[in-house]
């Protein structure tokens, strides 16, 4: 347990003022997020190629050696408003290196230019094309962080509802799964979270949700969705997160629907702590657990 590392990282994030939202314009928020994520470590031993999938750009990320069978469809974070496959390259690359499975990070459409449900539709279109290319559903896993962690769940729900077979597994890092913000941690973790604040989340979410019903199962799946039929889920989250109870409620709702689910909570770490592999031992350890989960479930 790296208490000193955790305390040092928390202090660094607070000093940097790394939170999203506030009074900045969308353009400034996007630029700030790019700067923050661009400073995070990316594995050296990966190949990166620009591709198109489901009508959207993306990055194909490959391991240095021979790849294992399968595809990881990765969905980046950024509150549905900021971010890109480049900002999530560290997380995508670390999963690729640790699993040996090729990753495709999707550049799905963002709000406010493309509000809900554009990004969910992009995930379904990308998954449908992978299936049409001949990839078996049991060879594909969804993974994502923050808003992308939420999309890994809602994309699978939308694919199921469209009559597609579900993927082999889902990995969700600090997923955002409730735009009603009903989780108790939205109140109890206000002082503990060095990255997110309620006002910033609400501002960005308003650009994404617009006039949609916030209880829509594809916006707040831990409030209203029937998760029956989803594949095994691994949700990782830290206790210093406003979104802690999104992951907790996901685990309860999934288990109530007879879905295999692992809730993996690390104490006193921030939102998407897996990104900080240079600063926090627990980041690499969590990625190792996620990689094991994926290797056990993705089949060629």
C-alpha atoms as a PDB file:
ATOM      1  CA  UNK A   1       0.000   0.000   0.000  1.00  0.00           C
ATOM      2  CA  UNK A   2       1.769   3.127  -1.253  1.00  0.00           C
ATOM      3  CA  UNK A   3       0.407   5.749   1.143  1.00  0.00           C
ATOM      4  CA  UNK A   4       3.112   8.263   0.261  1.00  0.00           C
ATOM      5  CA  UNK A   5       2.485   7.843  -3.474  1.00  0.00           C
ATOM      6  CA  UNK A   6      -1.242   8.326  -3.033  1.00  0.00           C
ATOM      7  CA  UNK A   7      -0.826  11.458  -0.946  1.00  0.00           C
ATOM      8  CA  UNK A   8       1.761  12.908  -3.332  1.00  0.00           C
ATOM      9  CA  UNK A   9      -0.451  12.305  -6.390  1.00  0.00           C
ATOM     10  CA  UNK A  10      -3.451  13.850  -4.666  1.00  0.00           C
ATOM     11  CA  UNK A  11      -1.433  16.966  -3.823  1.00  0.00           C
ATOM     12  CA  UNK A  12      -0.073  17.220  -7.386  1.00  0.00           C
ATOM     13  CA  UNK A  13      -3.542  17.030  -8.935  1.00  0.00           C
ATOM     14  CA  UNK A  14      -4.941  19.650  -6.575  1.00  0.00           C
ATOM     15  CA  UNK A  15      -1.999  21.986  -7.177  1.00  0.00           C
ATOM     16  CA  UNK A  16      -2.388  21.605 -10.953  1.00  0.00           C
ATOM     17  CA  UNK A  17      -6.105  22.422 -10.852  1.00  0.00           C
ATOM     18  CA  UNK A  18      -6.708  19.471 -13.140  1.00  0.00           C
ATOM     19  CA  UNK A  19     -10.494  19.347 -12.883  1.00  0.00           C
ATOM     20  CA  UNK A  20     -12.852  19.473 -15.863  1.00  0.00           C
ATOM     21  CA  UNK A  21     -15.511  22.051 -16.508  1.00  0.00           C
ATOM     22  CA  UNK A  22     -15.751  25.343 -14.656  1.00  0.00           C
ATOM     23  CA  UNK A  23     -16.264  28.564 -16.569  1.00  0.00           C
ATOM     24  CA  UNK A  24     -13.936  27.699 -19.455  1.00  0.00           C
ATOM     25  CA  UNK A  25     -15.237  27.434 -23.000  1.00  0.00           C
ATOM     26  CA  UNK A  26     -15.564  24.024 -24.604  1.00  0.00           C
ATOM     27  CA  UNK A  27     -12.476  24.750 -26.692  1.00  0.00           C
ATOM     28  CA  UNK A  28     -10.423  25.724 -23.638  1.00  0.00           C
ATOM     29  CA  UNK A  29     -11.646  22.698 -21.689  1.00  0.00           C
ATOM     30  CA  UNK A  30     -10.684  20.411 -24.549  1.00  0.00           C
ATOM     31  CA  UNK A  31      -7.237  22.001 -24.794  1.00  0.00           C
ATOM     32  CA  UNK A  32      -6.700  21.690 -21.046  1.00  0.00           C
ATOM     33  CA  UNK A  33      -7.712  18.043 -21.101  1.00  0.00           C
ATOM     34  CA  UNK A  34      -5.343  17.345 -23.992  1.00  0.00           C
ATOM     35  CA  UNK A  35      -2.523  18.967 -22.026  1.00  0.00           C
ATOM     36  CA  UNK A  36      -3.287  16.995 -18.860  1.00  0.00           C
ATOM     37  CA  UNK A  37      -3.541  13.648 -20.619  1.00  0.00           C
ATOM     38  CA  UNK A  38      -0.582  14.364 -22.888  1.00  0.00           C
ATOM     39  CA  UNK A  39       1.669  14.457 -19.833  1.00  0.00           C
ATOM     40  CA  UNK A  40       0.726  10.921 -18.777  1.00  0.00           C
ATOM     41  CA  UNK A  41       2.892   7.901 -19.637  1.00  0.00           C
ATOM     42  CA  UNK A  42       2.326   5.836 -22.777  1.00  0.00           C
ATOM     43  CA  UNK A  43       3.987   2.424 -23.271  1.00  0.00           C
ATOM     44  CA  UNK A  44       6.843   2.508 -25.765  1.00  0.00           C
ATOM     45  CA  UNK A  45       6.431  -0.993 -27.163  1.00  0.00           C
ATOM     46  CA  UNK A  46       3.199  -0.480 -29.115  1.00  0.00           C
ATOM     47  CA  UNK A  47       2.300   0.242 -32.720  1.00  0.00           C
ATOM     48  CA  UNK A  48      -0.262   2.961 -33.490  1.00  0.00           C
ATOM     49  CA  UNK A  49      -2.119   3.268 -36.802  1.00  0.00           C
ATOM     50  CA  UNK A  50      -4.968   5.563 -37.829  1.00  0.00           C
ATOM     51  CA  UNK A  51      -8.012   3.642 -39.074  1.00  0.00           C
ATOM     52  CA  UNK A  52     -11.738   4.017 -39.690  1.00  0.00           C
ATOM     53  CA  UNK A  53     -14.399   1.871 -38.038  1.00  0.00           C
ATOM     54  CA  UNK A  54     -18.161   2.231 -38.189  1.00  0.00           C
ATOM     55  CA  UNK A  55     -17.828   5.485 -40.075  1.00  0.00           C
ATOM     56  CA  UNK A  56     -15.621   7.070 -37.410  1.00  0.00           C
ATOM     57  CA  UNK A  57     -11.847   7.565 -37.131  1.00  0.00           C
ATOM     58  CA  UNK A  58      -9.889   5.569 -34.610  1.00  0.00           C
ATOM     59  CA  UNK A  59      -6.494   4.252 -33.602  1.00  0.00           C
ATOM     60  CA  UNK A  60      -5.414   0.654 -33.952  1.00  0.00           C
ATOM     61  CA  UNK A  61      -2.972  -0.112 -31.143  1.00  0.00           C
ATOM     62  CA  UNK A  62      -0.907  -3.277 -31.462  1.00  0.00           C
ATOM     63  CA  UNK A  63       1.599  -5.041 -29.193  1.00  0.00           C
ATOM     64  CA  UNK A  64       5.253  -5.276 -30.209  1.00  0.00           C
ATOM     65  CA  UNK A  65       5.180  -9.050 -30.699  1.00  0.00           C
ATOM     66  CA  UNK A  66       2.613 -11.354 -32.219  1.00  0.00           C
ATOM     67  CA  UNK A  67      -0.867 -10.365 -31.065  1.00  0.00           C
ATOM     68  CA  UNK A  68      -3.205 -12.760 -29.337  1.00  0.00           C
ATOM     69  CA  UNK A  69      -6.558 -13.322 -31.056  1.00  0.00           C
ATOM     70  CA  UNK A  70      -9.223 -10.767 -30.275  1.00  0.00           C
ATOM     71  CA  UNK A  71     -10.064  -7.066 -30.304  1.00  0.00           C
ATOM     72  CA  UNK A  72     -10.363  -4.564 -27.454  1.00  0.00           C
ATOM     73  CA  UNK A  73     -12.776  -1.793 -28.459  1.00  0.00           C
ATOM     74  CA  UNK A  74     -11.627   1.119 -26.277  1.00  0.00           C
ATOM     75  CA  UNK A  75     -13.748   4.186 -25.470  1.00  0.00           C
ATOM     76  CA  UNK A  76     -11.967   7.248 -24.094  1.00  0.00           C
ATOM     77  CA  UNK A  77     -13.100   9.447 -21.222  1.00  0.00           C
ATOM     78  CA  UNK A  78     -13.929  13.143 -21.162  1.00  0.00           C
ATOM     79  CA  UNK A  79     -17.541  13.658 -20.013  1.00  0.00           C
ATOM     80  CA  UNK A  80     -18.806  13.060 -23.580  1.00  0.00           C
ATOM     81  CA  UNK A  81     -17.441  16.515 -24.515  1.00  0.00           C
ATOM     82  CA  UNK A  82     -13.628  16.319 -24.511  1.00  0.00           C
ATOM     83  CA  UNK A  83     -10.958  13.707 -25.203  1.00  0.00           C
ATOM     84  CA  UNK A  84      -9.921  11.489 -28.087  1.00  0.00           C
ATOM     85  CA  UNK A  85      -8.152   8.195 -28.766  1.00  0.00           C
ATOM     86  CA  UNK A  86      -4.885  10.107 -28.310  1.00  0.00           C
ATOM     87  CA  UNK A  87      -5.789  11.233 -24.784  1.00  0.00           C
ATOM     88  CA  UNK A  88      -6.540   7.607 -23.851  1.00  0.00           C
ATOM     89  CA  UNK A  89      -3.465   6.132 -25.525  1.00  0.00           C
ATOM     90  CA  UNK A  90      -1.779   5.376 -22.220  1.00  0.00           C
ATOM     91  CA  UNK A  91      -4.695   3.297 -20.975  1.00  0.00           C
ATOM     92  CA  UNK A  92      -5.328   1.614 -24.327  1.00  0.00           C
ATOM     93  CA  UNK A  93      -1.634   0.877 -24.787  1.00  0.00           C
ATOM     94  CA  UNK A  94      -1.243  -0.544 -21.298  1.00  0.00           C
ATOM     95  CA  UNK A  95      -4.150  -2.937 -21.823  1.00  0.00           C
ATOM     96  CA  UNK A  96      -2.715  -3.972 -25.201  1.00  0.00           C
ATOM     97  CA  UNK A  97       0.755  -4.583 -23.746  1.00  0.00           C
ATOM     98  CA  UNK A  98      -0.576  -6.507 -20.764  1.00  0.00           C
ATOM     99  CA  UNK A  99      -3.062  -8.646 -22.711  1.00  0.00           C
ATOM    100  CA  UNK A 100      -1.282  -9.004 -26.042  1.00  0.00           C
ATOM    101  CA  UNK A 101      -4.647  -8.232 -27.699  1.00  0.00           C
ATOM    102  CA  UNK A 102      -4.987  -5.568 -30.391  1.00  0.00           C
ATOM    103  CA  UNK A 103      -6.922  -2.484 -29.319  1.00  0.00           C
ATOM    104  CA  UNK A 104      -9.065  -0.138 -31.388  1.00  0.00           C
ATOM    105  CA  UNK A 105      -9.719   3.211 -29.724  1.00  0.00           C
ATOM    106  CA  UNK A 106     -12.789   4.834 -31.251  1.00  0.00           C
ATOM    107  CA  UNK A 107     -13.026   8.566 -31.952  1.00  0.00           C
ATOM    108  CA  UNK A 108     -16.757   8.723 -31.276  1.00  0.00           C
ATOM    109  CA  UNK A 109     -18.722  11.937 -31.772  1.00  0.00           C
ATOM    110  CA  UNK A 110     -18.706  14.495 -28.945  1.00  0.00           C
ATOM    111  CA  UNK A 111     -21.185  17.017 -27.564  1.00  0.00           C
ATOM    112  CA  UNK A 112     -22.168  19.797 -27.906  1.00  0.00           C
ATOM    113  CA  UNK A 113     -21.792  19.316 -31.645  1.00  0.00           C
ATOM    114  CA  UNK A 114     -23.264  15.813 -31.384  1.00  0.00           C
ATOM    115  CA  UNK A 115     -25.281  15.282 -28.170  1.00  0.00           C
ATOM    116  CA  UNK A 116     -26.764  12.026 -26.867  1.00  0.00           C
ATOM    117  CA  UNK A 117     -27.262   9.468 -28.344  1.00  0.00           C
ATOM    118  CA  UNK A 118     -24.665  10.073 -31.084  1.00  0.00           C
ATOM    119  CA  UNK A 119     -21.787   8.449 -29.212  1.00  0.00           C
ATOM    120  CA  UNK A 120     -23.838   5.382 -28.287  1.00  0.00           C
ATOM    121  CA  UNK A 121     -24.798   5.009 -31.954  1.00  0.00           C
ATOM    122  CA  UNK A 122     -21.111   5.235 -32.912  1.00  0.00           C
ATOM    123  CA  UNK A 123     -20.191   2.422 -30.525  1.00  0.00           C
ATOM    124  CA  UNK A 124     -22.911   0.170 -31.957  1.00  0.00           C
ATOM    125  CA  UNK A 125     -21.845   0.997 -35.533  1.00  0.00           C
ATOM    126  CA  UNK A 126     -18.208   0.213 -34.751  1.00  0.00           C
ATOM    127  CA  UNK A 127     -19.123  -3.063 -33.055  1.00  0.00           C
ATOM    128  CA  UNK A 128     -21.437  -4.016 -35.916  1.00  0.00           C
ATOM    129  CA  UNK A 129     -18.613  -3.481 -38.418  1.00  0.00           C
ATOM    130  CA  UNK A 130     -16.252  -5.651 -36.374  1.00  0.00           C
ATOM    131  CA  UNK A 131     -18.861  -8.414 -36.450  1.00  0.00           C
ATOM    132  CA  UNK A 132     -19.387  -7.903 -40.188  1.00  0.00           C
ATOM    133  CA  UNK A 133     -15.627  -8.237 -40.690  1.00  0.00           C
ATOM    134  CA  UNK A 134     -15.874 -11.745 -39.275  1.00  0.00           C
ATOM    135  CA  UNK A 135     -14.804 -11.157 -35.679  1.00  0.00           C
ATOM    136  CA  UNK A 136     -16.796 -13.414 -33.388  1.00  0.00           C
ATOM    137  CA  UNK A 137     -18.502 -11.671 -30.448  1.00  0.00           C
ATOM    138  CA  UNK A 138     -16.559 -13.845 -28.022  1.00  0.00           C
ATOM    139  CA  UNK A 139     -13.339 -12.375 -29.484  1.00  0.00           C
ATOM    140  CA  UNK A 140     -14.327  -8.748 -28.769  1.00  0.00           C
ATOM    141  CA  UNK A 141     -14.271  -6.879 -25.451  1.00  0.00           C
ATOM    142  CA  UNK A 142     -15.428  -3.360 -24.664  1.00  0.00           C
ATOM    143  CA  UNK A 143     -13.308  -1.192 -22.372  1.00  0.00           C
ATOM    144  CA  UNK A 144     -13.324   2.456 -21.400  1.00  0.00           C
ATOM    145  CA  UNK A 145     -12.676   5.063 -18.753  1.00  0.00           C
ATOM    146  CA  UNK A 146     -14.966   7.629 -17.115  1.00  0.00           C
ATOM    147  CA  UNK A 147     -17.569   8.616 -19.735  1.00  0.00           C
ATOM    148  CA  UNK A 148     -16.056   5.926 -21.946  1.00  0.00           C
ATOM    149  CA  UNK A 149     -16.497   3.436 -19.115  1.00  0.00           C
ATOM    150  CA  UNK A 150     -20.161   4.378 -19.122  1.00  0.00           C
ATOM    151  CA  UNK A 151     -20.258   3.979 -22.896  1.00  0.00           C
ATOM    152  CA  UNK A 152     -18.822   0.481 -22.570  1.00  0.00           C
ATOM    153  CA  UNK A 153     -21.987  -0.409 -20.656  1.00  0.00           C
ATOM    154  CA  UNK A 154     -24.530   1.620 -22.630  1.00  0.00           C
ATOM    155  CA  UNK A 155     -22.968   0.616 -25.949  1.00  0.00           C
ATOM    156  CA  UNK A 156     -23.357  -3.039 -24.981  1.00  0.00           C
ATOM    157  CA  UNK A 157     -26.957  -2.388 -23.909  1.00  0.00           C
ATOM    158  CA  UNK A 158     -27.748  -0.674 -27.204  1.00  0.00           C
ATOM    159  CA  UNK A 159     -26.085  -3.480 -29.164  1.00  0.00           C
ATOM    160  CA  UNK A 160     -28.137  -6.054 -27.249  1.00  0.00           C
ATOM    161  CA  UNK A 161     -31.336  -4.103 -27.875  1.00  0.00           C
ATOM    162  CA  UNK A 162     -30.449  -3.897 -31.599  1.00  0.00           C
ATOM    163  CA  UNK A 163     -30.370  -7.687 -31.735  1.00  0.00           C
ATOM    164  CA  UNK A 164     -26.589  -8.038 -31.874  1.00  0.00           C
ATOM    165  CA  UNK A 165     -24.755 -10.654 -29.815  1.00  0.00           C
ATOM    166  CA  UNK A 166     -23.062  -9.134 -26.791  1.00  0.00           C
ATOM    167  CA  UNK A 167     -19.252  -8.953 -26.606  1.00  0.00           C
ATOM    168  CA  UNK A 168     -17.140 -11.277 -24.500  1.00  0.00           C
ATOM    169  CA  UNK A 169     -16.501  -8.885 -21.615  1.00  0.00           C
ATOM    170  CA  UNK A 170     -16.589  -5.282 -20.420  1.00  0.00           C
ATOM    171  CA  UNK A 171     -13.915  -3.404 -18.454  1.00  0.00           C
ATOM    172  CA  UNK A 172     -15.002  -0.041 -17.032  1.00  0.00           C
ATOM    173  CA  UNK A 173     -12.519   2.261 -15.284  1.00  0.00           C
ATOM    174  CA  UNK A 174     -14.289   4.786 -13.009  1.00  0.00           C
ATOM    175  CA  UNK A 175     -17.432   4.648 -15.172  1.00  0.00           C
ATOM    176  CA  UNK A 176     -19.950   7.469 -15.319  1.00  0.00           C
ATOM    177  CA  UNK A 177     -23.332   5.759 -15.261  1.00  0.00           C
ATOM    178  CA  UNK A 178     -25.872   8.195 -13.844  1.00  0.00           C
ATOM    179  CA  UNK A 179     -26.529  11.688 -15.190  1.00  0.00           C
ATOM    180  CA  UNK A 180     -29.212  12.165 -12.523  1.00  0.00           C
ATOM    181  CA  UNK A 181     -26.281  12.260 -10.059  1.00  0.00           C
ATOM    182  CA  UNK A 182     -28.231  10.331  -7.434  1.00  0.00           C
ATOM    183  CA  UNK A 183     -25.206   8.475  -6.015  1.00  0.00           C
ATOM    184  CA  UNK A 184     -24.379   9.264  -2.392  1.00  0.00           C
ATOM    185  CA  UNK A 185     -20.705   9.733  -3.278  1.00  0.00           C
ATOM    186  CA  UNK A 186     -21.665  12.829  -5.296  1.00  0.00           C
ATOM    187  CA  UNK A 187     -22.106  14.413  -1.849  1.00  0.00           C
ATOM    188  CA  UNK A 188     -19.826  12.433   0.425  1.00  0.00           C
ATOM    189  CA  UNK A 189     -16.711  12.574  -1.795  1.00  0.00           C
ATOM    190  CA  UNK A 190     -16.793  16.276  -2.701  1.00  0.00           C
ATOM    191  CA  UNK A 191     -13.685  17.072  -0.674  1.00  0.00           C
ATOM    192  CA  UNK A 192     -11.915  13.790  -1.433  1.00  0.00           C
ATOM    193  CA  UNK A 193     -12.003  14.010  -5.251  1.00  0.00           C
ATOM    194  CA  UNK A 194      -9.067  16.057  -6.628  1.00  0.00           C
ATOM    195  CA  UNK A 195     -10.153  15.794 -10.274  1.00  0.00           C
ATOM    196  CA  UNK A 196     -13.926  16.125 -10.564  1.00  0.00           C
ATOM    197  CA  UNK A 197     -16.403  18.589  -9.118  1.00  0.00           C
ATOM    198  CA  UNK A 198     -20.183  18.559  -9.289  1.00  0.00           C
ATOM    199  CA  UNK A 199     -20.529  21.933 -11.015  1.00  0.00           C
ATOM    200  CA  UNK A 200     -18.080  20.965 -13.741  1.00  0.00           C
ATOM    201  CA  UNK A 201     -19.777  17.634 -14.317  1.00  0.00           C
ATOM    202  CA  UNK A 202     -23.200  19.266 -14.482  1.00  0.00           C
ATOM    203  CA  UNK A 203     -21.994  21.870 -16.959  1.00  0.00           C
ATOM    204  CA  UNK A 204     -20.523  19.314 -19.345  1.00  0.00           C
ATOM    205  CA  UNK A 205     -23.423  16.886 -18.920  1.00  0.00           C
ATOM    206  CA  UNK A 206     -25.914  19.585 -19.872  1.00  0.00           C
ATOM    207  CA  UNK A 207     -24.138  19.877 -23.224  1.00  0.00           C
ATOM    208  CA  UNK A 208     -24.464  16.127 -23.726  1.00  0.00           C
ATOM    209  CA  UNK A 209     -27.944  15.413 -22.368  1.00  0.00           C
ATOM    210  CA  UNK A 210     -29.669  18.587 -23.679  1.00  0.00           C
ATOM    211  CA  UNK A 211     -33.428  17.842 -23.470  1.00  0.00           C
ATOM    212  CA  UNK A 212     -33.243  14.047 -23.120  1.00  0.00           C
ATOM    213  CA  UNK A 213     -34.807  12.300 -20.133  1.00  0.00           C
ATOM    214  CA  UNK A 214     -31.976  11.887 -17.627  1.00  0.00           C
ATOM    215  CA  UNK A 215     -33.496   8.586 -16.480  1.00  0.00           C
ATOM    216  CA  UNK A 216     -33.110   7.086 -19.952  1.00  0.00           C
ATOM    217  CA  UNK A 217     -31.423   3.680 -19.502  1.00  0.00           C
ATOM    218  CA  UNK A 218     -28.688   4.712 -21.954  1.00  0.00           C
ATOM    219  CA  UNK A 219     -27.950   7.826 -19.888  1.00  0.00           C
ATOM    220  CA  UNK A 220     -28.377   6.476 -16.359  1.00  0.00           C
ATOM    221  CA  UNK A 221     -28.141   2.693 -16.595  1.00  0.00           C
ATOM    222  CA  UNK A 222     -27.557   2.221 -12.858  1.00  0.00           C
ATOM    223  CA  UNK A 223     -30.905   3.933 -12.246  1.00  0.00           C
ATOM    224  CA  UNK A 224     -33.224   2.416 -14.857  1.00  0.00           C
ATOM    225  CA  UNK A 225     -31.506  -0.122 -17.137  1.00  0.00           C
ATOM    226  CA  UNK A 226     -32.206  -3.845 -17.271  1.00  0.00           C
ATOM    227  CA  UNK A 227     -28.704  -5.326 -17.547  1.00  0.00           C
ATOM    228  CA  UNK A 228     -29.945  -8.855 -18.283  1.00  0.00           C
ATOM    229  CA  UNK A 229     -27.814 -10.624 -20.864  1.00  0.00           C
ATOM    230  CA  UNK A 230     -24.741  -8.442 -20.589  1.00  0.00           C
ATOM    231  CA  UNK A 231     -21.352 -10.191 -20.563  1.00  0.00           C
ATOM    232  CA  UNK A 232     -19.047 -10.357 -17.518  1.00  0.00           C
ATOM    233  CA  UNK A 233     -18.137  -6.907 -16.210  1.00  0.00           C
ATOM    234  CA  UNK A 234     -15.091  -5.650 -14.325  1.00  0.00           C
ATOM    235  CA  UNK A 235     -15.585  -2.199 -12.783  1.00  0.00           C
ATOM    236  CA  UNK A 236     -12.571  -0.528 -11.173  1.00  0.00           C
ATOM    237  CA  UNK A 237     -12.907   2.631  -9.091  1.00  0.00           C
ATOM    238  CA  UNK A 238     -11.154   4.563  -6.318  1.00  0.00           C
ATOM    239  CA  UNK A 239     -12.624   5.692  -3.023  1.00  0.00           C
ATOM    240  CA  UNK A 240     -11.610   9.337  -3.679  1.00  0.00           C
ATOM    241  CA  UNK A 241     -14.161   9.696  -6.476  1.00  0.00           C
ATOM    242  CA  UNK A 242     -17.462  11.454  -6.901  1.00  0.00           C
ATOM    243  CA  UNK A 243     -18.395   8.568  -9.211  1.00  0.00           C
ATOM    244  CA  UNK A 244     -17.642   5.846  -6.640  1.00  0.00           C
ATOM    245  CA  UNK A 245     -21.313   4.965  -6.219  1.00  0.00           C
ATOM    246  CA  UNK A 246     -21.852   4.703  -9.980  1.00  0.00           C
ATOM    247  CA  UNK A 247     -19.569   1.665  -9.936  1.00  0.00           C
ATOM    248  CA  UNK A 248     -21.036   0.319  -6.702  1.00  0.00           C
ATOM    249  CA  UNK A 249     -24.592   0.513  -8.053  1.00  0.00           C
ATOM    250  CA  UNK A 250     -23.482  -1.058 -11.329  1.00  0.00           C
ATOM    251  CA  UNK A 251     -22.263  -4.096  -9.414  1.00  0.00           C
ATOM    252  CA  UNK A 252     -25.536  -4.433  -7.516  1.00  0.00           C
ATOM    253  CA  UNK A 253     -27.706  -3.947 -10.585  1.00  0.00           C
ATOM    254  CA  UNK A 254     -25.629  -6.378 -12.651  1.00  0.00           C
ATOM    255  CA  UNK A 255     -25.710  -9.061  -9.983  1.00  0.00           C
ATOM    256  CA  UNK A 256     -29.469  -8.608  -9.621  1.00  0.00           C
ATOM    257  CA  UNK A 257     -29.682  -9.314 -13.366  1.00  0.00           C
ATOM    258  CA  UNK A 258     -27.576 -12.496 -12.976  1.00  0.00           C
ATOM    259  CA  UNK A 259     -24.603 -10.916 -14.765  1.00  0.00           C
ATOM    260  CA  UNK A 260     -21.084 -11.890 -13.669  1.00  0.00           C
ATOM    261  CA  UNK A 261     -19.539  -8.764 -12.161  1.00  0.00           C
ATOM    262  CA  UNK A 262     -16.369  -7.869 -10.292  1.00  0.00           C
ATOM    263  CA  UNK A 263     -16.277  -4.615  -8.319  1.00  0.00           C
ATOM    264  CA  UNK A 264     -12.617  -3.686  -7.776  1.00  0.00           C
ATOM    265  CA  UNK A 265     -12.187  -0.752  -5.367  1.00  0.00           C
ATOM    266  CA  UNK A 266      -8.818   0.789  -4.484  1.00  0.00           C
ATOM    267  CA  UNK A 267      -8.668   3.052  -1.438  1.00  0.00           C
ATOM    268  CA  UNK A 268      -7.624   6.708  -1.542  1.00  0.00           C
ATOM    269  CA  UNK A 269      -6.914   6.964  -5.276  1.00  0.00           C
ATOM    270  CA  UNK A 270      -8.411   9.452  -7.765  1.00  0.00           C
ATOM    271  CA  UNK A 271     -10.625   9.196 -10.807  1.00  0.00           C
ATOM    272  CA  UNK A 272      -9.178   6.848 -13.477  1.00  0.00           C
ATOM    273  CA  UNK A 273      -6.128   6.263 -11.290  1.00  0.00           C
ATOM    274  CA  UNK A 274      -4.953   3.584 -13.750  1.00  0.00           C
ATOM    275  CA  UNK A 275      -3.593   6.422 -15.922  1.00  0.00           C
ATOM    276  CA  UNK A 276      -0.897   7.343 -13.398  1.00  0.00           C
ATOM    277  CA  UNK A 277       1.458   4.407 -13.876  1.00  0.00           C
ATOM    278  CA  UNK A 278       4.572   6.555 -13.295  1.00  0.00           C
ATOM    279  CA  UNK A 279       3.298   7.846  -9.960  1.00  0.00           C
ATOM    280  CA  UNK A 280       1.268   5.073  -8.379  1.00  0.00           C
ATOM    281  CA  UNK A 281       2.057   1.385  -7.937  1.00  0.00           C
ATOM    282  CA  UNK A 282      -1.656   0.648  -7.680  1.00  0.00           C
ATOM    283  CA  UNK A 283      -2.186   1.892 -11.227  1.00  0.00           C
ATOM    284  CA  UNK A 284      -0.084  -0.876 -12.761  1.00  0.00           C
ATOM    285  CA  UNK A 285      -1.508  -3.442 -10.362  1.00  0.00           C
ATOM    286  CA  UNK A 286      -5.078  -2.540 -11.363  1.00  0.00           C
ATOM    287  CA  UNK A 287      -4.170  -2.744 -15.051  1.00  0.00           C
ATOM    288  CA  UNK A 288      -2.674  -6.190 -14.432  1.00  0.00           C
ATOM    289  CA  UNK A 289      -5.959  -7.330 -12.870  1.00  0.00           C
ATOM    290  CA  UNK A 290      -7.927  -5.899 -15.782  1.00  0.00           C
ATOM    291  CA  UNK A 291      -5.638  -7.641 -18.266  1.00  0.00           C
ATOM    292  CA  UNK A 292      -6.074 -10.978 -16.508  1.00  0.00           C
ATOM    293  CA  UNK A 293      -9.848 -10.537 -16.605  1.00  0.00           C
ATOM    294  CA  UNK A 294      -9.694  -9.873 -20.354  1.00  0.00           C
ATOM    295  CA  UNK A 295      -7.288 -12.716 -21.170  1.00  0.00           C
ATOM    296  CA  UNK A 296      -9.556 -15.148 -19.332  1.00  0.00           C
ATOM    297  CA  UNK A 297     -12.631 -14.129 -21.333  1.00  0.00           C
ATOM    298  CA  UNK A 298     -11.616 -13.024 -24.839  1.00  0.00           C
ATOM    299  CA  UNK A 299     -11.437 -15.955 -27.234  1.00  0.00           C
ATOM    300  CA  UNK A 300     -10.142 -15.988 -30.804  1.00  0.00           C
END
